Amino acid sequence: MILSLGFILVAFAAVEVEGYYCHWPFHCVGEIVIDHGNTLSAWSKWSTWHSITSCGPSSATYVLQTRERTRSCKGSGCGSEQTSQKQTRKAYVCKPVTLLEITLANYYWAPTTGYLTMKLRQGSTHCQTSYPTWKAPHYRNKTYYEHPVGCVATFDTSKKIDMWLTSDSTNDVYISKMGVKVGKVWKTWKSTSYKRIDKNYNNGWYTTSS
């Protein structure tokens, strides 16, 4: 009977196993005992990475990203024990624009006599191509590719880009798709039908889907 009582006392004793506060037989509650009843909770999951710098300069190749995890202290104090941790990394996502595209809608009035340029924006990063980028695209249902002359900024390949199409004419161009190639990654915007764009109308912004 004495041995049985001794076994019961041991069975309910608390032990620390690999940094967790557990009850025998190893029912862990995710806390670490410090002293006098003060405990630390288990670490939370790491947060998602978020950027603390941005692309933009032509020389930029990466952004700095951080993530964090925390744990709480229960009791009057946990001394010098950490309650938060941060990690920082370089994400090599900054790339130059290598190609642009516009697609004219399959519509009789889609072509224009206007000369077109494109503005690009991503947060505080922006640029505009030199005039003219497209000279009077005159075939409907056709994609026109051009190099981004004049746009020397770098953009984050993991984020969306806003596009603004300028024209020097009131003769509308009917656009069904626009895109920008950042490094080797294409980012595009598509209309369910088309957008009529001229010197003063519907210029943007149009945001890529990725």
N, C-alpha and C. Protein backbone atom coordinates (compact mmCIF):
# COMPACT_ATOMS: atom_id res chain seq x y z
N MET A 1 0.84 -1.20 0.00
CA MET A 1 0.00 0.00 0.00
C MET A 1 0.87 1.25 0.00
N ILE A 2 1.96 1.22 0.72
CA ILE A 2 2.88 2.36 0.76
C ILE A 2 3.53 2.56 -0.60
N LEU A 3 3.91 1.43 -1.27
CA LEU A 3 4.50 1.52 -2.58
C LEU A 3 3.53 2.09 -3.59
N SER A 4 2.27 1.72 -3.49
CA SER A 4 1.26 2.23 -4.42
C SER A 4 1.08 3.72 -4.27
N LEU A 5 1.07 4.21 -3.02
CA LEU A 5 0.94 5.63 -2.78
C LEU A 5 2.14 6.38 -3.35
N GLY A 6 3.32 5.77 -3.18
CA GLY A 6 4.53 6.38 -3.72
C GLY A 6 4.46 6.48 -5.23
N PHE A 7 3.89 5.46 -5.88
CA PHE A 7 3.76 5.48 -7.34
C PHE A 7 2.81 6.58 -7.77
N ILE A 8 1.72 6.78 -6.98
CA ILE A 8 0.75 7.82 -7.33
C ILE A 8 1.38 9.19 -7.23
N LEU A 9 2.19 9.41 -6.21
CA LEU A 9 2.85 10.70 -6.05
C LEU A 9 3.80 10.98 -7.21
N VAL A 10 4.54 9.97 -7.64
CA VAL A 10 5.46 10.13 -8.76
C VAL A 10 4.69 10.39 -10.05
N ALA A 11 3.56 9.71 -10.21
CA ALA A 11 2.78 9.81 -11.44
C ALA A 11 2.31 11.23 -11.71
N PHE A 12 2.10 12.03 -10.66
CA PHE A 12 1.58 13.38 -10.83
C PHE A 12 2.66 14.46 -10.66
N ALA A 13 3.94 14.02 -10.60
CA ALA A 13 5.03 14.98 -10.48
C ALA A 13 5.25 15.67 -11.82
N ALA A 14 5.74 16.90 -11.79
CA ALA A 14 6.01 17.67 -13.00
C ALA A 14 7.47 17.54 -13.37
N VAL A 15 7.74 17.36 -14.64
CA VAL A 15 9.11 17.27 -15.11
C VAL A 15 9.25 18.19 -16.32
N GLU A 16 10.51 18.59 -16.59
CA GLU A 16 10.78 19.40 -17.76
C GLU A 16 11.40 18.52 -18.83
N VAL A 17 10.77 18.48 -20.01
CA VAL A 17 11.23 17.62 -21.09
C VAL A 17 11.48 18.47 -22.32
N GLU A 18 12.73 18.57 -22.75
CA GLU A 18 13.09 19.31 -23.96
C GLU A 18 12.48 20.71 -24.00
N GLY A 19 12.57 21.41 -22.87
CA GLY A 19 12.12 22.80 -22.84
C GLY A 19 10.64 23.00 -22.64
N TYR A 20 9.88 21.94 -22.43
CA TYR A 20 8.45 22.07 -22.18
C TYR A 20 8.13 21.62 -20.77
N TYR A 21 7.14 22.25 -20.16
CA TYR A 21 6.69 21.87 -18.82
C TYR A 21 5.63 20.80 -18.98
N CYS A 22 5.91 19.61 -18.48
CA CYS A 22 5.05 18.46 -18.74
C CYS A 22 4.61 17.79 -17.45
N HIS A 23 3.50 17.10 -17.49
CA HIS A 23 3.04 16.24 -16.41
C HIS A 23 3.25 14.80 -16.84
N TRP A 24 3.79 14.05 -15.90
CA TRP A 24 4.04 12.64 -16.19
C TRP A 24 2.72 11.95 -16.48
N PRO A 25 2.57 11.07 -17.49
CA PRO A 25 3.64 10.66 -18.41
C PRO A 25 3.67 11.53 -19.67
N PHE A 26 4.32 12.66 -19.58
CA PHE A 26 4.62 13.53 -20.71
C PHE A 26 3.38 14.12 -21.38
N HIS A 27 2.48 14.66 -20.60
CA HIS A 27 1.38 15.45 -21.14
C HIS A 27 1.83 16.91 -21.12
N CYS A 28 2.40 17.37 -22.23
CA CYS A 28 3.05 18.67 -22.27
C CYS A 28 2.03 19.79 -22.44
N VAL A 29 2.22 20.88 -21.69
CA VAL A 29 1.34 22.03 -21.80
C VAL A 29 2.05 23.21 -22.44
N GLY A 30 3.28 23.01 -22.91
CA GLY A 30 3.98 24.04 -23.66
C GLY A 30 4.50 25.19 -22.83
N GLU A 31 4.75 25.02 -21.58
CA GLU A 31 5.27 26.08 -20.73
C GLU A 31 6.57 25.65 -20.07
N ILE A 32 7.41 26.62 -19.75
CA ILE A 32 8.67 26.36 -19.06
C ILE A 32 8.62 27.04 -17.70
N VAL A 33 8.90 26.29 -16.62
CA VAL A 33 8.90 26.85 -15.28
C VAL A 33 10.21 27.60 -15.05
N ILE A 34 10.10 28.87 -14.61
CA ILE A 34 11.29 29.66 -14.31
C ILE A 34 11.59 29.54 -12.81
N ASP A 35 10.76 30.11 -11.98
CA ASP A 35 10.87 29.96 -10.53
C ASP A 35 9.61 30.55 -9.90
N HIS A 36 9.29 30.10 -8.72
CA HIS A 36 8.18 30.62 -7.94
C HIS A 36 6.88 30.74 -8.74
N GLY A 37 6.64 29.77 -9.59
CA GLY A 37 5.40 29.77 -10.35
C GLY A 37 5.43 30.60 -11.61
N ASN A 38 6.52 31.30 -11.91
CA ASN A 38 6.61 32.05 -13.16
C ASN A 38 6.87 31.08 -14.31
N THR A 39 6.13 31.24 -15.40
CA THR A 39 6.29 30.33 -16.53
C THR A 39 6.33 31.10 -17.84
N LEU A 40 7.00 30.51 -18.81
CA LEU A 40 7.03 31.03 -20.17
C LEU A 40 6.16 30.14 -21.05
N SER A 41 5.33 30.75 -21.88
CA SER A 41 4.53 29.96 -22.81
C SER A 41 5.42 29.42 -23.92
N ALA A 42 4.88 28.51 -24.70
CA ALA A 42 5.61 28.00 -25.86
C ALA A 42 5.73 29.12 -26.89
N TRP A 43 6.72 29.01 -27.77
CA TRP A 43 6.89 30.00 -28.83
C TRP A 43 5.71 29.95 -29.80
N SER A 44 5.26 31.10 -30.26
CA SER A 44 4.26 31.15 -31.31
C SER A 44 4.90 30.73 -32.64
N LYS A 45 4.09 30.54 -33.66
CA LYS A 45 4.64 30.25 -34.98
C LYS A 45 5.32 31.52 -35.52
N TRP A 46 6.29 31.31 -36.38
CA TRP A 46 6.93 32.46 -37.02
C TRP A 46 5.92 33.20 -37.88
N SER A 47 5.97 34.53 -37.84
CA SER A 47 5.13 35.34 -38.72
C SER A 47 5.61 35.18 -40.15
N THR A 48 4.82 35.64 -41.11
CA THR A 48 5.26 35.61 -42.49
C THR A 48 6.36 36.66 -42.69
N TRP A 49 7.21 36.41 -43.67
CA TRP A 49 8.26 37.37 -43.99
C TRP A 49 7.65 38.64 -44.55
N HIS A 50 8.11 39.81 -44.14
CA HIS A 50 7.67 41.07 -44.74
C HIS A 50 8.88 41.97 -44.99
N SER A 51 8.79 42.73 -46.07
CA SER A 51 9.92 43.55 -46.50
C SER A 51 10.01 44.84 -45.69
N ILE A 52 11.23 45.21 -45.32
CA ILE A 52 11.45 46.47 -44.61
C ILE A 52 12.24 47.46 -45.48
N THR A 53 12.68 47.01 -46.66
CA THR A 53 13.24 47.90 -47.66
C THR A 53 12.54 47.59 -48.98
N SER A 54 12.83 48.36 -50.00
CA SER A 54 12.17 48.15 -51.29
C SER A 54 13.17 48.23 -52.42
N CYS A 55 12.73 47.77 -53.61
CA CYS A 55 13.53 47.91 -54.81
C CYS A 55 13.43 49.36 -55.28
N GLY A 56 13.93 49.65 -56.44
CA GLY A 56 13.83 51.00 -56.98
C GLY A 56 15.08 51.40 -57.74
N PRO A 57 16.20 51.64 -57.05
CA PRO A 57 17.44 52.00 -57.76
C PRO A 57 17.85 50.91 -58.75
N SER A 58 18.45 51.31 -59.85
CA SER A 58 18.84 50.35 -60.87
C SER A 58 19.86 49.34 -60.35
N SER A 59 20.59 49.71 -59.30
CA SER A 59 21.62 48.82 -58.73
C SER A 59 21.06 47.85 -57.70
N ALA A 60 19.80 48.01 -57.32
CA ALA A 60 19.22 47.17 -56.26
C ALA A 60 19.02 45.74 -56.76
N THR A 61 19.40 44.78 -55.93
CA THR A 61 19.20 43.36 -56.27
C THR A 61 18.37 42.63 -55.23
N TYR A 62 18.27 43.18 -54.02
CA TYR A 62 17.54 42.48 -52.97
C TYR A 62 16.82 43.47 -52.06
N VAL A 63 15.85 42.94 -51.30
CA VAL A 63 15.21 43.68 -50.22
C VAL A 63 15.49 42.95 -48.92
N LEU A 64 15.48 43.67 -47.81
CA LEU A 64 15.61 43.05 -46.50
C LEU A 64 14.23 42.67 -45.99
N GLN A 65 14.12 41.47 -45.46
CA GLN A 65 12.86 40.98 -44.92
C GLN A 65 13.05 40.49 -43.49
N THR A 66 12.02 40.64 -42.67
CA THR A 66 12.09 40.16 -41.29
C THR A 66 10.86 39.31 -40.97
N ARG A 67 11.00 38.49 -39.94
CA ARG A 67 9.87 37.78 -39.37
C ARG A 67 10.10 37.65 -37.87
N GLU A 68 9.05 37.36 -37.12
CA GLU A 68 9.14 37.39 -35.66
C GLU A 68 8.29 36.28 -35.05
N ARG A 69 8.69 35.84 -33.87
CA ARG A 69 7.85 34.96 -33.06
C ARG A 69 7.94 35.42 -31.61
N THR A 70 6.92 35.12 -30.83
CA THR A 70 6.86 35.60 -29.45
C THR A 70 6.40 34.50 -28.50
N ARG A 71 6.61 34.76 -27.22
CA ARG A 71 6.04 33.93 -26.16
C ARG A 71 5.78 34.84 -24.97
N SER A 72 4.86 34.45 -24.12
CA SER A 72 4.46 35.31 -23.01
C SER A 72 4.97 34.77 -21.68
N CYS A 73 5.10 35.69 -20.74
CA CYS A 73 5.53 35.33 -19.37
C CYS A 73 4.33 35.39 -18.45
N LYS A 74 4.11 34.33 -17.72
CA LYS A 74 3.03 34.29 -16.75
C LYS A 74 3.62 34.36 -15.35
N GLY A 75 3.17 35.31 -14.58
CA GLY A 75 3.72 35.48 -13.24
C GLY A 75 4.29 36.88 -13.08
N SER A 76 5.12 37.04 -12.06
CA SER A 76 5.66 38.37 -11.74
C SER A 76 6.85 38.75 -12.60
N GLY A 77 7.46 37.79 -13.28
CA GLY A 77 8.61 38.12 -14.11
C GLY A 77 9.40 36.88 -14.49
N CYS A 78 10.03 36.92 -15.65
CA CYS A 78 10.78 35.77 -16.14
C CYS A 78 12.25 36.10 -16.35
N GLY A 79 12.71 37.12 -15.62
CA GLY A 79 14.13 37.43 -15.64
C GLY A 79 14.63 37.82 -17.02
N SER A 80 15.73 37.24 -17.42
CA SER A 80 16.37 37.60 -18.68
C SER A 80 15.90 36.75 -19.85
N GLU A 81 14.91 35.91 -19.62
CA GLU A 81 14.43 35.04 -20.68
C GLU A 81 13.82 35.87 -21.82
N GLN A 82 14.09 35.50 -23.07
CA GLN A 82 13.55 36.20 -24.24
C GLN A 82 12.06 35.95 -24.38
N THR A 83 11.33 37.00 -24.75
CA THR A 83 9.90 36.83 -25.06
C THR A 83 9.62 37.14 -26.53
N SER A 84 10.65 37.51 -27.29
CA SER A 84 10.48 37.70 -28.73
C SER A 84 11.79 37.42 -29.44
N GLN A 85 11.69 36.93 -30.65
CA GLN A 85 12.85 36.67 -31.48
C GLN A 85 12.57 37.15 -32.90
N LYS A 86 13.57 37.72 -33.55
CA LYS A 86 13.44 38.18 -34.93
C LYS A 86 14.51 37.55 -35.80
N GLN A 87 14.16 37.35 -37.05
CA GLN A 87 15.12 36.89 -38.05
C GLN A 87 15.08 37.86 -39.23
N THR A 88 16.22 38.07 -39.86
CA THR A 88 16.32 38.95 -41.02
C THR A 88 17.02 38.20 -42.15
N ARG A 89 16.56 38.43 -43.37
CA ARG A 89 17.18 37.78 -44.52
C ARG A 89 17.19 38.73 -45.72
N LYS A 90 18.02 38.41 -46.72
CA LYS A 90 18.02 39.12 -47.98
C LYS A 90 17.20 38.31 -48.99
N ALA A 91 16.24 38.95 -49.62
CA ALA A 91 15.45 38.30 -50.66
C ALA A 91 15.81 38.94 -52.00
N TYR A 92 16.40 38.16 -52.88
CA TYR A 92 16.90 38.70 -54.15
C TYR A 92 15.76 38.73 -55.18
N VAL A 93 14.91 39.74 -55.03
CA VAL A 93 13.69 39.85 -55.85
C VAL A 93 13.68 41.10 -56.72
N CYS A 94 14.70 41.93 -56.66
CA CYS A 94 14.72 43.18 -57.43
C CYS A 94 15.28 42.93 -58.83
N LYS A 95 14.44 43.18 -59.84
CA LYS A 95 14.85 42.94 -61.22
C LYS A 95 14.44 44.12 -62.10
N PRO A 96 15.16 44.37 -63.18
CA PRO A 96 14.78 45.44 -64.11
C PRO A 96 13.63 44.99 -65.00
N VAL A 97 12.94 45.96 -65.57
CA VAL A 97 11.91 45.66 -66.56
C VAL A 97 12.62 45.34 -67.88
N THR A 98 12.25 44.22 -68.49
CA THR A 98 12.92 43.80 -69.72
C THR A 98 12.04 43.88 -70.96
N LEU A 99 10.70 43.91 -70.78
CA LEU A 99 9.82 43.96 -71.93
C LEU A 99 8.43 44.43 -71.50
N LEU A 100 7.74 45.08 -72.43
CA LEU A 100 6.37 45.54 -72.21
C LEU A 100 5.47 44.99 -73.31
N GLU A 101 4.19 44.87 -73.01
CA GLU A 101 3.25 44.44 -74.04
C GLU A 101 1.91 45.13 -73.89
N ILE A 102 1.26 45.40 -75.02
CA ILE A 102 -0.14 45.78 -75.06
C ILE A 102 -0.81 44.95 -76.15
N THR A 103 -2.03 44.54 -75.89
CA THR A 103 -2.81 43.78 -76.88
C THR A 103 -4.04 44.58 -77.25
N LEU A 104 -4.21 44.86 -78.54
CA LEU A 104 -5.40 45.56 -79.00
C LEU A 104 -6.56 44.58 -79.10
N ALA A 105 -7.74 45.06 -78.73
CA ALA A 105 -8.93 44.22 -78.74
C ALA A 105 -9.31 43.81 -80.16
N ASN A 106 -10.04 42.73 -80.25
CA ASN A 106 -10.54 42.26 -81.54
C ASN A 106 -11.82 43.02 -81.88
N TYR A 107 -11.60 44.29 -82.21
CA TYR A 107 -12.72 45.21 -82.43
C TYR A 107 -12.32 46.17 -83.54
N TYR A 108 -13.25 46.48 -84.42
CA TYR A 108 -12.93 47.26 -85.60
C TYR A 108 -12.25 48.59 -85.28
N TRP A 109 -12.70 49.24 -84.19
CA TRP A 109 -12.18 50.56 -83.84
C TRP A 109 -10.98 50.51 -82.89
N ALA A 110 -10.40 49.36 -82.69
CA ALA A 110 -9.33 49.20 -81.70
C ALA A 110 -8.06 49.99 -82.01
N PRO A 111 -7.61 50.08 -83.27
CA PRO A 111 -6.36 50.80 -83.54
C PRO A 111 -6.46 52.29 -83.24
N THR A 112 -5.30 52.91 -83.12
CA THR A 112 -5.25 54.34 -82.84
C THR A 112 -4.15 55.01 -83.68
N THR A 113 -4.29 56.28 -83.89
CA THR A 113 -3.23 57.07 -84.54
C THR A 113 -2.29 57.68 -83.51
N GLY A 114 -2.60 57.43 -82.23
CA GLY A 114 -1.82 58.03 -81.16
C GLY A 114 -0.50 57.33 -80.90
N TYR A 115 0.42 58.08 -80.29
CA TYR A 115 1.68 57.53 -79.80
C TYR A 115 1.52 57.28 -78.30
N LEU A 116 1.99 56.11 -77.85
CA LEU A 116 1.72 55.67 -76.48
C LEU A 116 3.00 55.49 -75.67
N THR A 117 2.91 55.72 -74.37
CA THR A 117 3.98 55.38 -73.43
C THR A 117 3.34 54.68 -72.23
N MET A 118 4.17 54.16 -71.35
CA MET A 118 3.64 53.47 -70.17
C MET A 118 4.35 53.91 -68.90
N LYS A 119 3.56 54.18 -67.87
CA LYS A 119 4.08 54.42 -66.53
C LYS A 119 3.93 53.15 -65.70
N LEU A 120 4.90 52.89 -64.84
CA LEU A 120 4.86 51.73 -63.95
C LEU A 120 5.01 52.20 -62.52
N ARG A 121 4.29 51.53 -61.62
CA ARG A 121 4.34 51.92 -60.21
C ARG A 121 4.25 50.67 -59.33
N GLN A 122 5.05 50.68 -58.27
CA GLN A 122 5.00 49.62 -57.25
C GLN A 122 5.42 50.24 -55.93
N GLY A 123 4.42 50.60 -55.11
CA GLY A 123 4.73 51.33 -53.89
C GLY A 123 5.35 52.68 -54.24
N SER A 124 6.51 52.96 -53.66
CA SER A 124 7.20 54.22 -53.92
C SER A 124 8.09 54.17 -55.15
N THR A 125 8.19 53.00 -55.77
CA THR A 125 9.00 52.84 -56.97
C THR A 125 8.16 53.12 -58.21
N HIS A 126 8.68 53.95 -59.12
CA HIS A 126 7.92 54.25 -60.34
C HIS A 126 8.88 54.66 -61.45
N CYS A 127 8.40 54.55 -62.68
CA CYS A 127 9.17 55.00 -63.84
C CYS A 127 8.22 55.18 -65.01
N GLN A 128 8.69 55.83 -66.07
CA GLN A 128 7.92 56.01 -67.29
C GLN A 128 8.82 55.78 -68.49
N THR A 129 8.29 55.11 -69.51
CA THR A 129 9.07 54.86 -70.71
C THR A 129 9.18 56.13 -71.55
N SER A 130 10.17 56.14 -72.41
CA SER A 130 10.41 57.31 -73.26
C SER A 130 9.35 57.42 -74.35
N TYR A 131 9.09 58.64 -74.75
CA TYR A 131 8.12 58.91 -75.80
C TYR A 131 8.79 58.87 -77.17
N PRO A 132 8.20 58.19 -78.15
CA PRO A 132 7.05 57.30 -78.00
C PRO A 132 7.52 55.86 -77.80
N THR A 133 6.75 55.08 -77.06
CA THR A 133 7.05 53.65 -76.91
C THR A 133 6.36 52.84 -78.00
N TRP A 134 5.10 53.13 -78.22
CA TRP A 134 4.36 52.51 -79.34
C TRP A 134 3.91 53.62 -80.29
N LYS A 135 4.18 53.45 -81.56
CA LYS A 135 3.80 54.44 -82.57
C LYS A 135 2.56 53.96 -83.32
N ALA A 136 1.42 54.54 -82.98
CA ALA A 136 0.17 54.28 -83.69
C ALA A 136 -0.07 52.81 -84.01
N PRO A 137 -0.20 51.96 -82.99
CA PRO A 137 -0.50 50.55 -83.26
C PRO A 137 -1.81 50.44 -84.05
N HIS A 138 -1.76 49.82 -85.22
CA HIS A 138 -2.88 49.94 -86.13
C HIS A 138 -3.51 48.62 -86.55
N TYR A 139 -3.23 47.52 -85.86
CA TYR A 139 -3.90 46.26 -86.16
C TYR A 139 -4.67 45.78 -84.93
N ARG A 140 -5.92 45.48 -85.13
CA ARG A 140 -6.72 44.94 -84.03
C ARG A 140 -6.31 43.49 -83.76
N ASN A 141 -6.64 43.02 -82.54
CA ASN A 141 -6.38 41.63 -82.13
C ASN A 141 -4.91 41.25 -82.32
N LYS A 142 -4.02 42.18 -81.97
CA LYS A 142 -2.59 41.93 -82.10
C LYS A 142 -1.86 42.41 -80.84
N THR A 143 -0.83 41.66 -80.45
CA THR A 143 0.00 42.05 -79.31
C THR A 143 1.26 42.75 -79.80
N TYR A 144 1.53 43.90 -79.20
CA TYR A 144 2.70 44.70 -79.56
C TYR A 144 3.69 44.68 -78.38
N TYR A 145 4.91 44.24 -78.65
CA TYR A 145 5.96 44.20 -77.63
C TYR A 145 6.96 45.32 -77.88
N GLU A 146 7.41 45.94 -76.78
CA GLU A 146 8.43 46.98 -76.89
C GLU A 146 9.36 46.91 -75.68
N HIS A 147 10.59 47.36 -75.87
CA HIS A 147 11.54 47.46 -74.77
C HIS A 147 11.24 48.71 -73.94
N PRO A 148 11.49 48.64 -72.64
CA PRO A 148 11.13 49.75 -71.73
C PRO A 148 12.17 50.86 -71.72
N VAL A 149 12.44 51.45 -72.86
CA VAL A 149 13.45 52.52 -72.94
C VAL A 149 13.03 53.67 -72.02
N GLY A 150 13.95 54.11 -71.20
CA GLY A 150 13.68 55.20 -70.27
C GLY A 150 13.30 54.75 -68.86
N CYS A 151 12.92 53.49 -68.72
CA CYS A 151 12.55 52.96 -67.39
C CYS A 151 13.72 52.15 -66.84
N VAL A 152 14.43 52.73 -65.88
CA VAL A 152 15.64 52.08 -65.37
C VAL A 152 15.46 51.56 -63.93
N ALA A 153 14.29 51.72 -63.37
CA ALA A 153 14.06 51.27 -61.99
C ALA A 153 13.99 49.74 -61.93
N THR A 154 14.22 49.22 -60.73
CA THR A 154 14.04 47.79 -60.48
C THR A 154 12.75 47.58 -59.69
N PHE A 155 12.11 46.43 -59.92
CA PHE A 155 10.84 46.12 -59.28
C PHE A 155 10.90 44.75 -58.61
N ASP A 156 10.07 44.58 -57.60
CA ASP A 156 10.00 43.34 -56.82
C ASP A 156 9.19 42.30 -57.59
N THR A 157 9.81 41.20 -57.95
CA THR A 157 9.14 40.16 -58.74
C THR A 157 8.03 39.44 -57.96
N SER A 158 8.01 39.61 -56.64
CA SER A 158 6.99 38.92 -55.83
C SER A 158 5.74 39.77 -55.61
N LYS A 159 5.72 41.01 -56.13
CA LYS A 159 4.60 41.90 -55.88
C LYS A 159 3.94 42.37 -57.18
N LYS A 160 2.72 42.84 -57.07
CA LYS A 160 1.98 43.34 -58.23
C LYS A 160 2.52 44.69 -58.68
N ILE A 161 2.24 45.03 -59.93
CA ILE A 161 2.67 46.30 -60.51
C ILE A 161 1.46 47.01 -61.10
N ASP A 162 1.41 48.32 -60.93
CA ASP A 162 0.37 49.16 -61.53
C ASP A 162 0.88 49.73 -62.85
N MET A 163 0.01 49.75 -63.86
CA MET A 163 0.37 50.27 -65.18
C MET A 163 -0.56 51.41 -65.57
N TRP A 164 0.01 52.42 -66.23
CA TRP A 164 -0.73 53.58 -66.70
C TRP A 164 -0.33 53.81 -68.15
N LEU A 165 -1.30 53.76 -69.06
CA LEU A 165 -1.01 53.93 -70.48
C LEU A 165 -1.35 55.35 -70.92
N THR A 166 -0.35 56.06 -71.44
CA THR A 166 -0.57 57.43 -71.89
C THR A 166 -0.71 57.46 -73.42
N SER A 167 -1.42 58.47 -73.90
CA SER A 167 -1.58 58.67 -75.33
C SER A 167 -1.50 60.17 -75.62
N ASP A 168 -1.03 60.50 -76.80
CA ASP A 168 -0.99 61.91 -77.18
C ASP A 168 -2.17 62.29 -78.07
N SER A 169 -3.16 61.38 -78.16
CA SER A 169 -4.25 61.57 -79.10
C SER A 169 -5.61 61.36 -78.43
N THR A 170 -6.63 62.00 -78.99
CA THR A 170 -8.01 61.75 -78.55
C THR A 170 -8.64 60.62 -79.34
N ASN A 171 -7.88 60.04 -80.24
CA ASN A 171 -8.32 58.86 -80.99
C ASN A 171 -8.11 57.62 -80.12
N ASP A 172 -9.18 57.06 -79.61
CA ASP A 172 -9.10 55.96 -78.64
C ASP A 172 -8.33 54.75 -79.18
N VAL A 173 -7.62 54.09 -78.25
CA VAL A 173 -7.09 52.76 -78.51
C VAL A 173 -7.86 51.80 -77.61
N TYR A 174 -8.25 50.65 -78.14
CA TYR A 174 -9.05 49.68 -77.39
C TYR A 174 -8.11 48.55 -76.94
N ILE A 175 -7.87 48.48 -75.64
CA ILE A 175 -6.88 47.56 -75.07
C ILE A 175 -7.59 46.41 -74.35
N SER A 176 -7.16 45.17 -74.62
CA SER A 176 -7.71 44.01 -73.92
C SER A 176 -6.72 43.40 -72.93
N LYS A 177 -5.43 43.74 -73.08
CA LYS A 177 -4.41 43.16 -72.19
C LYS A 177 -3.18 44.05 -72.18
N MET A 178 -2.55 44.15 -71.01
CA MET A 178 -1.26 44.83 -70.87
C MET A 178 -0.37 44.00 -69.97
N GLY A 179 0.93 44.13 -70.18
CA GLY A 179 1.83 43.35 -69.34
C GLY A 179 3.22 43.96 -69.24
N VAL A 180 3.94 43.52 -68.23
CA VAL A 180 5.31 43.97 -68.00
C VAL A 180 6.13 42.75 -67.58
N LYS A 181 7.28 42.60 -68.18
CA LYS A 181 8.18 41.50 -67.83
C LYS A 181 9.27 42.03 -66.92
N VAL A 182 9.32 41.53 -65.69
CA VAL A 182 10.30 41.96 -64.70
C VAL A 182 11.31 40.82 -64.55
N GLY A 183 12.53 41.07 -65.00
CA GLY A 183 13.48 39.97 -65.05
C GLY A 183 12.97 38.94 -66.04
N LYS A 184 12.64 37.75 -65.54
CA LYS A 184 12.08 36.69 -66.39
C LYS A 184 10.61 36.42 -66.08
N VAL A 185 10.01 37.27 -65.25
CA VAL A 185 8.65 37.03 -64.77
C VAL A 185 7.66 37.98 -65.46
N TRP A 186 6.68 37.42 -66.14
CA TRP A 186 5.63 38.23 -66.75
C TRP A 186 4.55 38.54 -65.73
N LYS A 187 4.10 39.80 -65.70
CA LYS A 187 2.99 40.24 -64.87
C LYS A 187 1.99 40.92 -65.79
N THR A 188 0.74 40.46 -65.77
CA THR A 188 -0.22 40.95 -66.76
C THR A 188 -1.53 41.38 -66.12
N TRP A 189 -2.20 42.26 -66.86
CA TRP A 189 -3.57 42.66 -66.57
C TRP A 189 -4.41 42.33 -67.79
N LYS A 190 -5.63 41.79 -67.57
CA LYS A 190 -6.53 41.46 -68.68
C LYS A 190 -7.90 42.05 -68.42
N SER A 191 -8.52 42.53 -69.47
CA SER A 191 -9.89 43.02 -69.40
C SER A 191 -10.85 41.90 -69.81
N THR A 192 -12.05 41.92 -69.27
CA THR A 192 -13.05 40.93 -69.68
C THR A 192 -13.55 41.24 -71.09
N SER A 193 -13.35 42.47 -71.56
CA SER A 193 -13.70 42.84 -72.93
C SER A 193 -12.60 43.74 -73.48
N TYR A 194 -12.65 45.04 -73.18
CA TYR A 194 -11.60 45.97 -73.56
C TYR A 194 -11.78 47.27 -72.78
N LYS A 195 -10.73 48.09 -72.80
CA LYS A 195 -10.77 49.42 -72.23
C LYS A 195 -10.44 50.43 -73.32
N ARG A 196 -11.28 51.46 -73.42
CA ARG A 196 -11.02 52.55 -74.35
C ARG A 196 -10.11 53.57 -73.67
N ILE A 197 -8.97 53.84 -74.27
CA ILE A 197 -7.98 54.73 -73.67
C ILE A 197 -7.57 55.79 -74.68
N ASP A 198 -7.56 57.04 -74.24
CA ASP A 198 -7.04 58.11 -75.09
C ASP A 198 -6.26 59.10 -74.24
N LYS A 199 -6.05 60.27 -74.76
CA LYS A 199 -5.22 61.28 -74.09
C LYS A 199 -5.74 61.66 -72.71
N ASN A 200 -7.06 61.66 -72.56
CA ASN A 200 -7.66 62.16 -71.31
C ASN A 200 -8.59 61.16 -70.63
N TYR A 201 -8.57 59.91 -71.06
CA TYR A 201 -9.61 59.00 -70.59
C TYR A 201 -9.07 57.60 -70.32
N ASN A 202 -9.40 57.07 -69.14
CA ASN A 202 -9.17 55.66 -68.80
C ASN A 202 -7.70 55.25 -68.82
N ASN A 203 -6.79 56.15 -68.49
CA ASN A 203 -5.37 55.82 -68.61
C ASN A 203 -4.88 54.81 -67.56
N GLY A 204 -5.50 54.74 -66.41
CA GLY A 204 -5.07 53.79 -65.38
C GLY A 204 -5.44 54.27 -63.99
N TRP A 205 -5.01 53.60 -62.97
CA TRP A 205 -4.01 52.54 -63.01
C TRP A 205 -4.64 51.17 -63.25
N TYR A 206 -3.88 50.27 -63.93
CA TYR A 206 -4.30 48.90 -64.14
C TYR A 206 -3.31 47.99 -63.43
N THR A 207 -3.81 47.17 -62.52
CA THR A 207 -2.94 46.37 -61.64
C THR A 207 -2.82 44.94 -62.15
N THR A 208 -1.59 44.44 -62.19
CA THR A 208 -1.36 43.07 -62.63
C THR A 208 -1.98 42.08 -61.65
N SER A 209 -2.23 40.88 -62.13
CA SER A 209 -2.89 39.87 -61.29
C SER A 209 -1.95 39.22 -60.30
N SER A 210 -0.64 39.39 -60.47
CA SER A 210 0.33 38.80 -59.52
C SER A 210 1.57 39.69 -59.41
